[in-house]
Amino acid sequence: MAGNGSAAVDEAAADDPVGTAAADLVQTRRNVAALGSAIHSAHLTAASPALARAVQAQQNLYEALDVEFGLLTSAQVADRLGSRAAARRNAATTARAAGRLLALRRGNRLLYPGFQFTAAGIRPVIADLRLLGDRHGWHEAGLIEWLLGPTTLLDGARPVDVLGDSDRLLAVAEASFGVSW
């Protein structure tokens, strides 16, 4: 954000604790302003603190996903798949419609988590996971969030960390998805 002095604050933060505190304060003020504007724009009059925390936790998870694995556009998916089609985004759309890819809606775009791909293309286990999720009423975002969360069924590891072991992943998914409280 040009002109708001944040570069100077960020530079100071690198040198001393006071600078770090100042940078945190600047970021907090930005976050509060953005959240206030978003709540106002959505005409929400009673957004509970719990709802705000849940939305922020979800956004933090998606940011971490992007940093660790990447969130790919449909054009980037086409590149990964070696598509030469004129309508490049059709490769991702077609694979998703066929149940072979998971996507997240971020704003008005669909983004595809990078963990779904190997050098050879789309991991086949994603289609199996989507089928299993469909059987248990799980939506795509829920599946992606489940993949990123540690589970005792994997001794604290995340399902995304065992994508290469399809049988193990699907057994854990079946055990997790079938639980009712």
N, C-alpha and C. Protein backbone atom coordinates (compact mmCIF):
# COMPACT_ATOMS: atom_id res chain seq x y z
N MET A 1 0.84 -1.18 0.00
CA MET A 1 0.00 0.00 0.00
C MET A 1 0.88 1.24 0.00
N ALA A 2 1.02 1.81 -1.13
CA ALA A 2 1.89 2.96 -1.27
C ALA A 2 1.35 4.14 -0.50
N GLY A 3 2.28 4.89 0.10
CA GLY A 3 1.91 6.13 0.73
C GLY A 3 1.40 6.02 2.15
N ASN A 4 1.39 4.84 2.74
CA ASN A 4 0.87 4.74 4.11
C ASN A 4 1.99 4.60 5.14
N GLY A 5 3.24 4.67 4.69
CA GLY A 5 4.36 4.60 5.60
C GLY A 5 4.71 3.21 6.07
N SER A 6 4.08 2.20 5.52
CA SER A 6 4.31 0.84 6.00
C SER A 6 5.71 0.34 5.69
N ALA A 7 6.32 0.78 4.60
CA ALA A 7 7.67 0.33 4.26
C ALA A 7 8.66 0.78 5.33
N ALA A 8 8.51 2.01 5.78
CA ALA A 8 9.41 2.52 6.81
C ALA A 8 9.21 1.77 8.12
N VAL A 9 7.96 1.47 8.46
CA VAL A 9 7.67 0.72 9.68
C VAL A 9 8.22 -0.69 9.56
N ASP A 10 8.03 -1.34 8.41
CA ASP A 10 8.54 -2.69 8.21
C ASP A 10 10.06 -2.73 8.32
N GLU A 11 10.73 -1.72 7.77
CA GLU A 11 12.19 -1.66 7.85
C GLU A 11 12.64 -1.49 9.29
N ALA A 12 11.94 -0.65 10.05
CA ALA A 12 12.28 -0.46 11.45
C ALA A 12 12.05 -1.74 12.24
N ALA A 13 11.04 -2.48 11.89
CA ALA A 13 10.72 -3.71 12.61
C ALA A 13 11.83 -4.73 12.51
N ALA A 14 12.56 -4.70 11.41
CA ALA A 14 13.64 -5.66 11.23
C ALA A 14 14.80 -5.38 12.17
N ASP A 15 14.91 -4.15 12.68
CA ASP A 15 16.06 -3.76 13.49
C ASP A 15 15.85 -3.83 15.00
N ASP A 16 14.60 -3.67 15.46
CA ASP A 16 14.41 -3.61 16.90
C ASP A 16 13.00 -4.01 17.31
N PRO A 17 12.83 -4.35 18.59
CA PRO A 17 11.52 -4.76 19.09
C PRO A 17 10.46 -3.66 19.00
N VAL A 18 10.87 -2.42 19.18
CA VAL A 18 9.91 -1.32 19.08
C VAL A 18 9.39 -1.23 17.64
N GLY A 19 10.29 -1.42 16.70
CA GLY A 19 9.88 -1.43 15.29
C GLY A 19 8.93 -2.57 15.01
N THR A 20 9.19 -3.73 15.61
CA THR A 20 8.31 -4.88 15.44
C THR A 20 6.93 -4.57 16.01
N ALA A 21 6.88 -3.98 17.18
CA ALA A 21 5.60 -3.62 17.78
C ALA A 21 4.87 -2.59 16.92
N ALA A 22 5.60 -1.64 16.38
CA ALA A 22 4.98 -0.64 15.51
C ALA A 22 4.41 -1.28 14.25
N ALA A 23 5.15 -2.20 13.66
CA ALA A 23 4.67 -2.90 12.47
C ALA A 23 3.42 -3.72 12.79
N ASP A 24 3.41 -4.38 13.95
CA ASP A 24 2.24 -5.16 14.37
C ASP A 24 1.03 -4.24 14.55
N LEU A 25 1.25 -3.07 15.12
CA LEU A 25 0.15 -2.12 15.32
C LEU A 25 -0.40 -1.63 13.98
N VAL A 26 0.49 -1.31 13.05
CA VAL A 26 0.06 -0.87 11.72
C VAL A 26 -0.77 -1.97 11.05
N GLN A 27 -0.29 -3.22 11.12
CA GLN A 27 -1.01 -4.33 10.50
C GLN A 27 -2.35 -4.57 11.18
N THR A 28 -2.39 -4.47 12.49
CA THR A 28 -3.65 -4.64 13.22
C THR A 28 -4.65 -3.58 12.80
N ARG A 29 -4.20 -2.34 12.67
CA ARG A 29 -5.11 -1.27 12.23
C ARG A 29 -5.63 -1.54 10.82
N ARG A 30 -4.77 -2.02 9.94
CA ARG A 30 -5.22 -2.38 8.59
C ARG A 30 -6.27 -3.49 8.63
N ASN A 31 -6.00 -4.51 9.44
CA ASN A 31 -6.92 -5.63 9.55
C ASN A 31 -8.28 -5.18 10.09
N VAL A 32 -8.27 -4.36 11.12
CA VAL A 32 -9.52 -3.87 11.70
C VAL A 32 -10.30 -3.06 10.66
N ALA A 33 -9.61 -2.20 9.93
CA ALA A 33 -10.28 -1.40 8.91
C ALA A 33 -10.88 -2.30 7.82
N ALA A 34 -10.11 -3.29 7.38
CA ALA A 34 -10.59 -4.18 6.33
C ALA A 34 -11.78 -5.01 6.81
N LEU A 35 -11.71 -5.53 8.03
CA LEU A 35 -12.82 -6.31 8.56
C LEU A 35 -14.06 -5.45 8.76
N GLY A 36 -13.87 -4.26 9.25
CA GLY A 36 -15.00 -3.35 9.42
C GLY A 36 -15.67 -3.05 8.10
N SER A 37 -14.86 -2.78 7.08
CA SER A 37 -15.42 -2.51 5.75
C SER A 37 -16.14 -3.73 5.19
N ALA A 38 -15.57 -4.91 5.39
CA ALA A 38 -16.19 -6.14 4.88
C ALA A 38 -17.52 -6.40 5.57
N ILE A 39 -17.56 -6.23 6.87
CA ILE A 39 -18.80 -6.45 7.61
C ILE A 39 -19.85 -5.44 7.18
N HIS A 40 -19.44 -4.20 7.03
CA HIS A 40 -20.37 -3.16 6.59
C HIS A 40 -20.87 -3.46 5.17
N SER A 41 -19.98 -3.82 4.27
CA SER A 41 -20.36 -4.10 2.88
C SER A 41 -21.32 -5.27 2.77
N ALA A 42 -21.17 -6.23 3.66
CA ALA A 42 -22.03 -7.41 3.64
C ALA A 42 -23.34 -7.17 4.40
N HIS A 43 -23.48 -5.97 4.95
CA HIS A 43 -24.68 -5.60 5.71
C HIS A 43 -24.91 -6.54 6.89
N LEU A 44 -23.82 -6.95 7.51
CA LEU A 44 -23.92 -7.79 8.71
C LEU A 44 -24.05 -6.88 9.91
N THR A 45 -25.10 -7.05 10.67
CA THR A 45 -25.30 -6.19 11.82
C THR A 45 -24.90 -6.87 13.12
N ALA A 46 -24.82 -8.18 13.11
CA ALA A 46 -24.52 -8.89 14.35
C ALA A 46 -23.57 -10.05 14.07
N ALA A 47 -22.37 -9.74 13.61
CA ALA A 47 -21.37 -10.79 13.40
C ALA A 47 -20.74 -11.10 14.75
N SER A 48 -20.95 -12.31 15.22
CA SER A 48 -20.45 -12.68 16.54
C SER A 48 -18.92 -12.80 16.51
N PRO A 49 -18.29 -12.61 17.66
CA PRO A 49 -16.84 -12.81 17.73
C PRO A 49 -16.44 -14.23 17.32
N ALA A 50 -17.27 -15.21 17.65
CA ALA A 50 -16.95 -16.60 17.27
C ALA A 50 -16.95 -16.75 15.76
N LEU A 51 -17.91 -16.14 15.09
CA LEU A 51 -17.96 -16.20 13.63
C LEU A 51 -16.75 -15.51 13.03
N ALA A 52 -16.41 -14.36 13.55
CA ALA A 52 -15.23 -13.63 13.04
C ALA A 52 -13.96 -14.46 13.22
N ARG A 53 -13.82 -15.12 14.37
CA ARG A 53 -12.65 -15.96 14.61
C ARG A 53 -12.62 -17.15 13.65
N ALA A 54 -13.78 -17.75 13.41
CA ALA A 54 -13.84 -18.90 12.50
C ALA A 54 -13.46 -18.50 11.08
N VAL A 55 -13.97 -17.38 10.63
CA VAL A 55 -13.63 -16.90 9.29
C VAL A 55 -12.15 -16.60 9.20
N GLN A 56 -11.59 -15.96 10.23
CA GLN A 56 -10.16 -15.64 10.21
C GLN A 56 -9.32 -16.91 10.24
N ALA A 57 -9.73 -17.90 11.01
CA ALA A 57 -8.99 -19.17 11.06
C ALA A 57 -9.00 -19.85 9.69
N GLN A 58 -10.14 -19.81 9.01
CA GLN A 58 -10.22 -20.39 7.68
C GLN A 58 -9.30 -19.65 6.71
N GLN A 59 -9.31 -18.33 6.76
CA GLN A 59 -8.45 -17.55 5.88
C GLN A 59 -6.97 -17.82 6.17
N ASN A 60 -6.63 -17.95 7.45
CA ASN A 60 -5.25 -18.27 7.82
C ASN A 60 -4.84 -19.63 7.26
N LEU A 61 -5.75 -20.60 7.33
CA LEU A 61 -5.47 -21.93 6.80
C LEU A 61 -5.23 -21.85 5.29
N TYR A 62 -6.06 -21.11 4.59
CA TYR A 62 -5.92 -20.99 3.14
C TYR A 62 -4.63 -20.25 2.77
N GLU A 63 -4.24 -19.27 3.56
CA GLU A 63 -2.96 -18.58 3.31
C GLU A 63 -1.79 -19.55 3.51
N ALA A 64 -1.86 -20.36 4.57
CA ALA A 64 -0.81 -21.35 4.83
C ALA A 64 -0.76 -22.38 3.70
N LEU A 65 -1.93 -22.79 3.21
CA LEU A 65 -2.01 -23.71 2.08
C LEU A 65 -1.32 -23.11 0.86
N ASP A 66 -1.59 -21.86 0.59
CA ASP A 66 -0.98 -21.19 -0.55
C ASP A 66 0.53 -21.13 -0.42
N VAL A 67 1.01 -20.82 0.77
CA VAL A 67 2.46 -20.73 0.99
C VAL A 67 3.12 -22.10 0.84
N GLU A 68 2.51 -23.14 1.41
CA GLU A 68 3.14 -24.46 1.40
C GLU A 68 3.02 -25.19 0.07
N PHE A 69 1.85 -25.13 -0.57
CA PHE A 69 1.60 -25.94 -1.76
C PHE A 69 1.26 -25.13 -3.00
N GLY A 70 0.85 -23.90 -2.80
CA GLY A 70 0.37 -23.07 -3.89
C GLY A 70 -1.11 -23.28 -4.12
N LEU A 71 -1.79 -22.20 -4.48
CA LEU A 71 -3.17 -22.24 -4.93
C LEU A 71 -3.13 -21.81 -6.38
N LEU A 72 -3.41 -22.74 -7.27
CA LEU A 72 -3.19 -22.54 -8.69
C LEU A 72 -4.45 -22.04 -9.39
N THR A 73 -4.24 -21.14 -10.33
CA THR A 73 -5.33 -20.71 -11.20
C THR A 73 -5.59 -21.81 -12.22
N SER A 74 -6.69 -21.69 -12.94
CA SER A 74 -6.98 -22.70 -13.96
C SER A 74 -5.91 -22.70 -15.06
N ALA A 75 -5.35 -21.54 -15.37
CA ALA A 75 -4.27 -21.49 -16.36
C ALA A 75 -3.02 -22.21 -15.86
N GLN A 76 -2.71 -22.06 -14.58
CA GLN A 76 -1.56 -22.76 -14.00
C GLN A 76 -1.80 -24.27 -13.97
N VAL A 77 -3.03 -24.68 -13.72
CA VAL A 77 -3.37 -26.10 -13.77
C VAL A 77 -3.15 -26.62 -15.19
N ALA A 78 -3.60 -25.86 -16.18
CA ALA A 78 -3.39 -26.26 -17.58
C ALA A 78 -1.91 -26.44 -17.88
N ASP A 79 -1.08 -25.53 -17.36
CA ASP A 79 0.37 -25.66 -17.54
C ASP A 79 0.88 -26.95 -16.91
N ARG A 80 0.44 -27.23 -15.67
CA ARG A 80 0.88 -28.45 -14.99
C ARG A 80 0.48 -29.71 -15.74
N LEU A 81 -0.68 -29.63 -16.40
CA LEU A 81 -1.19 -30.80 -17.12
C LEU A 81 -0.71 -30.85 -18.56
N GLY A 82 0.05 -29.84 -18.98
CA GLY A 82 0.56 -29.82 -20.34
C GLY A 82 -0.50 -29.55 -21.39
N SER A 83 -1.57 -28.89 -21.00
CA SER A 83 -2.66 -28.60 -21.94
C SER A 83 -2.23 -27.58 -22.98
N ARG A 84 -2.59 -27.84 -24.21
CA ARG A 84 -2.32 -26.90 -25.30
C ARG A 84 -3.62 -26.36 -25.88
N ALA A 85 -4.72 -26.59 -25.19
CA ALA A 85 -6.03 -26.15 -25.66
C ALA A 85 -6.10 -24.63 -25.74
N ALA A 86 -6.89 -24.14 -26.65
CA ALA A 86 -7.07 -22.69 -26.80
C ALA A 86 -7.75 -22.12 -25.55
N ALA A 87 -8.75 -22.80 -25.05
CA ALA A 87 -9.42 -22.38 -23.82
C ALA A 87 -8.74 -23.09 -22.66
N ARG A 88 -7.64 -22.53 -22.22
CA ARG A 88 -6.75 -23.19 -21.26
C ARG A 88 -7.43 -23.57 -19.95
N ARG A 89 -8.36 -22.75 -19.48
CA ARG A 89 -8.96 -23.05 -18.18
C ARG A 89 -9.88 -24.25 -18.22
N ASN A 90 -10.21 -24.71 -19.42
CA ASN A 90 -11.10 -25.86 -19.53
C ASN A 90 -10.47 -27.13 -18.96
N ALA A 91 -9.17 -27.24 -18.96
CA ALA A 91 -8.52 -28.44 -18.42
C ALA A 91 -8.86 -28.60 -16.93
N ALA A 92 -8.76 -27.52 -16.17
CA ALA A 92 -9.07 -27.57 -14.75
C ALA A 92 -10.56 -27.77 -14.53
N THR A 93 -11.37 -27.05 -15.27
CA THR A 93 -12.83 -27.14 -15.14
C THR A 93 -13.31 -28.55 -15.44
N THR A 94 -12.79 -29.14 -16.50
CA THR A 94 -13.18 -30.49 -16.90
C THR A 94 -12.75 -31.51 -15.85
N ALA A 95 -11.51 -31.39 -15.36
CA ALA A 95 -11.02 -32.33 -14.35
C ALA A 95 -11.83 -32.21 -13.05
N ARG A 96 -12.16 -31.00 -12.68
CA ARG A 96 -12.97 -30.80 -11.46
C ARG A 96 -14.37 -31.36 -11.66
N ALA A 97 -14.99 -31.09 -12.79
CA ALA A 97 -16.34 -31.59 -13.07
C ALA A 97 -16.37 -33.12 -13.09
N ALA A 98 -15.26 -33.74 -13.50
CA ALA A 98 -15.16 -35.20 -13.54
C ALA A 98 -14.83 -35.78 -12.16
N GLY A 99 -14.65 -34.90 -11.15
CA GLY A 99 -14.36 -35.38 -9.81
C GLY A 99 -12.90 -35.70 -9.57
N ARG A 100 -12.01 -35.21 -10.43
CA ARG A 100 -10.59 -35.52 -10.30
C ARG A 100 -9.79 -34.44 -9.59
N LEU A 101 -10.38 -33.24 -9.39
CA LEU A 101 -9.69 -32.14 -8.72
C LEU A 101 -10.59 -31.50 -7.68
N LEU A 102 -9.95 -30.93 -6.66
CA LEU A 102 -10.62 -30.14 -5.64
C LEU A 102 -10.29 -28.67 -5.89
N ALA A 103 -11.24 -27.80 -5.60
CA ALA A 103 -11.00 -26.36 -5.76
C ALA A 103 -11.59 -25.60 -4.59
N LEU A 104 -11.00 -24.44 -4.33
CA LEU A 104 -11.51 -23.51 -3.33
C LEU A 104 -12.00 -22.27 -4.04
N ARG A 105 -13.10 -21.72 -3.59
CA ARG A 105 -13.54 -20.43 -4.12
C ARG A 105 -12.92 -19.35 -3.24
N ARG A 106 -12.18 -18.46 -3.87
CA ARG A 106 -11.60 -17.30 -3.18
C ARG A 106 -12.06 -16.09 -3.97
N GLY A 107 -12.98 -15.35 -3.40
CA GLY A 107 -13.58 -14.24 -4.14
C GLY A 107 -14.38 -14.80 -5.29
N ASN A 108 -14.09 -14.33 -6.49
CA ASN A 108 -14.83 -14.82 -7.66
C ASN A 108 -14.04 -15.83 -8.47
N ARG A 109 -12.97 -16.38 -7.89
CA ARG A 109 -12.13 -17.34 -8.62
C ARG A 109 -12.12 -18.69 -7.92
N LEU A 110 -11.92 -19.71 -8.74
CA LEU A 110 -11.65 -21.04 -8.20
C LEU A 110 -10.14 -21.24 -8.25
N LEU A 111 -9.58 -21.72 -7.13
CA LEU A 111 -8.15 -21.99 -7.06
C LEU A 111 -7.96 -23.46 -6.65
N TYR A 112 -6.92 -24.05 -7.19
CA TYR A 112 -6.68 -25.48 -7.04
C TYR A 112 -5.43 -25.72 -6.21
N PRO A 113 -5.56 -26.39 -5.05
CA PRO A 113 -4.38 -26.66 -4.22
C PRO A 113 -3.32 -27.47 -4.98
N GLY A 114 -2.09 -27.02 -4.88
CA GLY A 114 -0.99 -27.65 -5.60
C GLY A 114 -0.67 -29.06 -5.15
N PHE A 115 -1.10 -29.45 -3.96
CA PHE A 115 -0.77 -30.81 -3.49
C PHE A 115 -1.44 -31.90 -4.31
N GLN A 116 -2.36 -31.53 -5.17
CA GLN A 116 -3.09 -32.51 -5.98
C GLN A 116 -2.29 -33.01 -7.17
N PHE A 117 -1.12 -32.43 -7.40
CA PHE A 117 -0.37 -32.72 -8.61
C PHE A 117 0.98 -33.35 -8.29
N THR A 118 1.40 -34.22 -9.20
CA THR A 118 2.76 -34.74 -9.22
C THR A 118 3.33 -34.36 -10.58
N ALA A 119 4.56 -34.72 -10.84
CA ALA A 119 5.15 -34.44 -12.15
C ALA A 119 4.39 -35.16 -13.27
N ALA A 120 3.70 -36.25 -12.92
CA ALA A 120 2.96 -37.03 -13.92
C ALA A 120 1.54 -36.51 -14.15
N GLY A 121 1.06 -35.57 -13.32
CA GLY A 121 -0.29 -35.05 -13.50
C GLY A 121 -1.06 -35.03 -12.19
N ILE A 122 -2.36 -35.24 -12.29
CA ILE A 122 -3.23 -35.22 -11.11
C ILE A 122 -3.09 -36.53 -10.34
N ARG A 123 -2.98 -36.43 -9.04
CA ARG A 123 -2.91 -37.64 -8.20
C ARG A 123 -4.24 -38.39 -8.31
N PRO A 124 -4.22 -39.65 -8.70
CA PRO A 124 -5.46 -40.42 -8.81
C PRO A 124 -6.25 -40.52 -7.50
N VAL A 125 -5.57 -40.47 -6.36
CA VAL A 125 -6.24 -40.60 -5.08
C VAL A 125 -7.22 -39.46 -4.83
N ILE A 126 -7.04 -38.33 -5.49
CA ILE A 126 -7.96 -37.20 -5.30
C ILE A 126 -9.37 -37.60 -5.75
N ALA A 127 -9.50 -38.28 -6.88
CA ALA A 127 -10.82 -38.73 -7.35
C ALA A 127 -11.44 -39.70 -6.35
N ASP A 128 -10.65 -40.61 -5.81
CA ASP A 128 -11.16 -41.56 -4.82
C ASP A 128 -11.60 -40.83 -3.55
N LEU A 129 -10.83 -39.84 -3.14
CA LEU A 129 -11.17 -39.07 -1.95
C LEU A 129 -12.46 -38.28 -2.17
N ARG A 130 -12.61 -37.71 -3.36
CA ARG A 130 -13.84 -36.96 -3.66
C ARG A 130 -15.06 -37.88 -3.63
N LEU A 131 -14.92 -39.08 -4.18
CA LEU A 131 -16.04 -40.04 -4.15
C LEU A 131 -16.42 -40.39 -2.72
N LEU A 132 -15.41 -40.65 -1.91
CA LEU A 132 -15.65 -40.97 -0.51
C LEU A 132 -16.29 -39.78 0.20
N GLY A 133 -15.78 -38.59 -0.06
CA GLY A 133 -16.36 -37.39 0.53
C GLY A 133 -17.81 -37.20 0.12
N ASP A 134 -18.09 -37.42 -1.16
CA ASP A 134 -19.47 -37.29 -1.65
C ASP A 134 -20.40 -38.25 -0.93
N ARG A 135 -19.94 -39.48 -0.72
CA ARG A 135 -20.76 -40.49 -0.03
C ARG A 135 -21.12 -40.06 1.39
N HIS A 136 -20.23 -39.28 2.01
CA HIS A 136 -20.45 -38.85 3.40
C HIS A 136 -20.92 -37.40 3.50
N GLY A 137 -21.21 -36.77 2.37
CA GLY A 137 -21.74 -35.40 2.41
C GLY A 137 -20.71 -34.31 2.63
N TRP A 138 -19.46 -34.58 2.31
CA TRP A 138 -18.41 -33.58 2.48
C TRP A 138 -18.27 -32.77 1.19
N HIS A 139 -18.13 -31.46 1.32
CA HIS A 139 -17.91 -30.60 0.17
C HIS A 139 -16.40 -30.40 -0.04
N GLU A 140 -16.05 -29.82 -1.17
CA GLU A 140 -14.63 -29.68 -1.54
C GLU A 140 -13.82 -28.92 -0.49
N ALA A 141 -14.32 -27.79 -0.03
CA ALA A 141 -13.55 -27.02 0.95
C ALA A 141 -13.34 -27.84 2.22
N GLY A 142 -14.36 -28.59 2.64
CA GLY A 142 -14.22 -29.45 3.81
C GLY A 142 -13.16 -30.52 3.62
N LEU A 143 -13.10 -31.10 2.43
CA LEU A 143 -12.08 -32.11 2.14
C LEU A 143 -10.68 -31.49 2.20
N ILE A 144 -10.54 -30.32 1.61
CA ILE A 144 -9.24 -29.65 1.61
C ILE A 144 -8.82 -29.32 3.04
N GLU A 145 -9.75 -28.79 3.82
CA GLU A 145 -9.44 -28.46 5.21
C GLU A 145 -9.09 -29.71 6.00
N TRP A 146 -9.80 -30.82 5.75
CA TRP A 146 -9.49 -32.08 6.43
C TRP A 146 -8.08 -32.54 6.08
N LEU A 147 -7.72 -32.44 4.81
CA LEU A 147 -6.39 -32.86 4.38
C LEU A 147 -5.27 -32.10 5.10
N LEU A 148 -5.55 -30.87 5.48
CA LEU A 148 -4.53 -30.02 6.08
C LEU A 148 -4.46 -30.10 7.60
N GLY A 149 -5.41 -30.79 8.21
CA GLY A 149 -5.44 -30.85 9.67
C GLY A 149 -4.81 -32.12 10.21
N PRO A 150 -4.01 -32.00 11.27
CA PRO A 150 -3.42 -33.20 11.88
C PRO A 150 -4.51 -34.09 12.47
N THR A 151 -4.24 -35.38 12.47
CA THR A 151 -5.22 -36.33 13.01
C THR A 151 -4.52 -37.40 13.83
N THR A 152 -5.17 -37.83 14.88
CA THR A 152 -4.62 -38.90 15.70
C THR A 152 -4.58 -40.22 14.93
N LEU A 153 -5.41 -40.33 13.90
CA LEU A 153 -5.39 -41.55 13.08
C LEU A 153 -4.09 -41.70 12.30
N LEU A 154 -3.34 -40.61 12.21
CA LEU A 154 -2.01 -40.65 11.57
C LEU A 154 -0.93 -40.23 12.56
N ASP A 155 -1.20 -40.47 13.84
CA ASP A 155 -0.24 -40.12 14.90
C ASP A 155 0.16 -38.65 14.85
N GLY A 156 -0.82 -37.80 14.58
CA GLY A 156 -0.58 -36.36 14.57
C GLY A 156 -0.16 -35.80 13.22
N ALA A 157 0.08 -36.65 12.24
CA ALA A 157 0.43 -36.17 10.90
C ALA A 157 -0.84 -35.70 10.20
N ARG A 158 -0.66 -34.97 9.13
CA ARG A 158 -1.79 -34.49 8.34
C ARG A 158 -2.06 -35.46 7.19
N PRO A 159 -3.30 -35.63 6.80
CA PRO A 159 -3.58 -36.49 5.65
C PRO A 159 -2.83 -36.07 4.39
N VAL A 160 -2.65 -34.78 4.18
CA VAL A 160 -1.92 -34.31 3.00
C VAL A 160 -0.49 -34.86 2.97
N ASP A 161 0.05 -35.19 4.14
CA ASP A 161 1.42 -35.70 4.22
C ASP A 161 1.54 -37.16 3.79
N VAL A 162 0.39 -37.84 3.62
CA VAL A 162 0.42 -39.25 3.19
C VAL A 162 -0.30 -39.43 1.86
N LEU A 163 -0.38 -38.38 1.06
CA LEU A 163 -1.04 -38.49 -0.25
C LEU A 163 -0.41 -39.57 -1.12
N GLY A 164 0.86 -39.82 -0.94
CA GLY A 164 1.55 -40.84 -1.73
C GLY A 164 1.17 -42.27 -1.35
N ASP A 165 0.52 -42.45 -0.23
CA ASP A 165 0.09 -43.77 0.24
C ASP A 165 -1.44 -43.80 0.17
N SER A 166 -1.97 -44.06 -1.02
CA SER A 166 -3.41 -43.98 -1.28
C SER A 166 -4.23 -44.86 -0.35
N ASP A 167 -3.80 -46.09 -0.14
CA ASP A 167 -4.57 -47.01 0.70
C ASP A 167 -4.69 -46.47 2.12
N ARG A 168 -3.57 -45.99 2.66
CA ARG A 168 -3.58 -45.46 4.02
C ARG A 168 -4.45 -44.21 4.10
N LEU A 169 -4.30 -43.31 3.14
CA LEU A 169 -5.08 -42.08 3.13
C LEU A 169 -6.57 -42.38 3.08
N LEU A 170 -6.98 -43.28 2.21
CA LEU A 170 -8.41 -43.58 2.06
C LEU A 170 -8.97 -44.31 3.29
N ALA A 171 -8.15 -45.14 3.92
CA ALA A 171 -8.60 -45.81 5.15
C ALA A 171 -8.83 -44.78 6.27
N VAL A 172 -7.91 -43.82 6.38
CA VAL A 172 -8.06 -42.77 7.38
C VAL A 172 -9.26 -41.88 7.05
N ALA A 173 -9.44 -41.59 5.77
CA ALA A 173 -10.60 -40.78 5.35
C ALA A 173 -11.90 -41.50 5.71
N GLU A 174 -11.98 -42.77 5.41
CA GLU A 174 -13.19 -43.54 5.71
C GLU A 174 -13.47 -43.53 7.21
N ALA A 175 -12.44 -43.71 8.01
CA ALA A 175 -12.61 -43.70 9.45
C ALA A 175 -13.02 -42.31 9.96
N SER A 176 -12.49 -41.27 9.33
CA SER A 176 -12.81 -39.91 9.76
C SER A 176 -14.17 -39.45 9.29
N PHE A 177 -14.50 -39.72 8.05
CA PHE A 177 -15.75 -39.22 7.47
C PHE A 177 -16.97 -39.93 8.02
N GLY A 178 -16.78 -41.16 8.42
CA GLY A 178 -17.91 -41.95 8.90
C GLY A 178 -18.27 -41.70 10.35
N VAL A 179 -17.52 -40.84 11.04
CA VAL A 179 -17.77 -40.59 12.46
C VAL A 179 -19.00 -39.68 12.60
N SER A 180 -19.88 -40.04 13.52
CA SER A 180 -20.99 -39.15 13.84
C SER A 180 -21.02 -38.96 15.34
N TRP A 181 -21.30 -37.75 15.75
CA TRP A 181 -21.26 -37.41 17.17
C TRP A 181 -22.64 -37.32 17.73
